[in-house]
């Protein structure tokens, strides 16, 4: 009978768990996204998001300029 050292047992256990995780991950169905539906869903917020980002960038620039003056 062949004996397995503790380290070899740990290595085998790690390898088995990695293989099991990989098999489970590959068995899960991959999500399918409808890009056109996502674009339509976010389109109503696009203008608001753009305005918000412009304000945020302007505020950040003002903070940096204030730090430079201090």
Protein backbone atom coordinates (compact mmCIF):
# COMPACT_ATOMS: atom_id res chain seq x y z
CA UNK A 1 0.00 0.00 0.00
CA UNK A 2 1.34 3.41 -0.98
CA UNK A 3 1.35 6.06 1.73
CA UNK A 4 0.72 9.73 0.99
CA UNK A 5 2.50 12.35 3.04
CA UNK A 6 0.54 15.15 4.67
CA UNK A 7 1.89 17.70 2.16
CA UNK A 8 1.03 15.46 -0.80
CA UNK A 9 -2.47 14.97 0.62
CA UNK A 10 -2.90 18.71 0.95
CA UNK A 11 -1.67 19.21 -2.62
CA UNK A 12 -4.05 16.55 -3.93
CA UNK A 13 -6.93 18.05 -1.97
CA UNK A 14 -6.16 21.52 -3.33
CA UNK A 15 -5.98 20.21 -6.88
CA UNK A 16 -9.26 18.32 -6.50
CA UNK A 17 -11.03 21.39 -5.12
CA UNK A 18 -9.68 23.56 -7.97
CA UNK A 19 -10.87 21.03 -10.53
CA UNK A 20 -14.29 20.83 -8.89
CA UNK A 21 -14.64 24.64 -8.80
CA UNK A 22 -13.65 24.85 -12.47
CA UNK A 23 -16.13 22.13 -13.44
CA UNK A 24 -18.93 23.84 -11.51
CA UNK A 25 -18.10 27.23 -13.03
CA UNK A 26 -18.09 25.80 -16.56
CA UNK A 27 -21.39 23.97 -15.94
CA UNK A 28 -23.21 27.17 -15.01
CA UNK A 29 -25.13 28.80 -17.86
CA UNK A 30 -23.50 31.92 -19.19
CA UNK A 31 -25.61 35.09 -19.03
CA UNK A 32 -26.87 36.43 -22.34
CA UNK A 33 -27.33 40.18 -22.50
CA UNK A 34 -29.63 42.00 -24.88
CA UNK A 35 -27.45 44.99 -25.66
CA UNK A 36 -30.23 46.92 -27.39
CA UNK A 37 -32.53 46.51 -24.37
CA UNK A 38 -29.75 47.68 -22.04
CA UNK A 39 -29.09 50.73 -24.21
CA UNK A 40 -32.79 51.57 -24.20
CA UNK A 41 -33.03 51.13 -20.44
CA UNK A 42 -30.11 53.46 -19.77
CA UNK A 43 -30.89 55.98 -22.53
CA UNK A 44 -33.31 57.95 -20.37
CA UNK A 45 -30.55 58.56 -17.83
CA UNK A 46 -27.75 59.35 -20.30
CA UNK A 47 -28.31 63.11 -20.35
CA UNK A 48 -28.59 63.29 -16.55
CA UNK A 49 -25.45 61.16 -16.14
CA UNK A 50 -23.49 63.39 -18.51
CA UNK A 51 -24.58 66.55 -16.68
CA UNK A 52 -23.70 65.00 -13.32
CA UNK A 53 -20.25 63.94 -14.52
CA UNK A 54 -19.55 67.43 -15.90
CA UNK A 55 -20.52 69.02 -12.56
CA UNK A 56 -18.43 66.49 -10.66
CA UNK A 57 -15.39 67.13 -12.85
CA UNK A 58 -15.83 70.89 -12.46
CA UNK A 59 -16.07 70.56 -8.67
CA UNK A 60 -12.97 68.37 -8.61
CA UNK A 61 -11.06 70.91 -10.71
CA UNK A 62 -12.10 73.69 -8.30
CA UNK A 63 -10.91 71.64 -5.31
CA UNK A 64 -7.55 71.02 -6.96
CA UNK A 65 -7.16 74.69 -7.80
CA UNK A 66 -8.00 75.62 -4.21
CA UNK A 67 -5.36 73.17 -2.94
CA UNK A 68 -2.80 74.72 -5.29
CA UNK A 69 -3.55 78.19 -3.90
CA UNK A 70 -3.14 77.06 -0.28
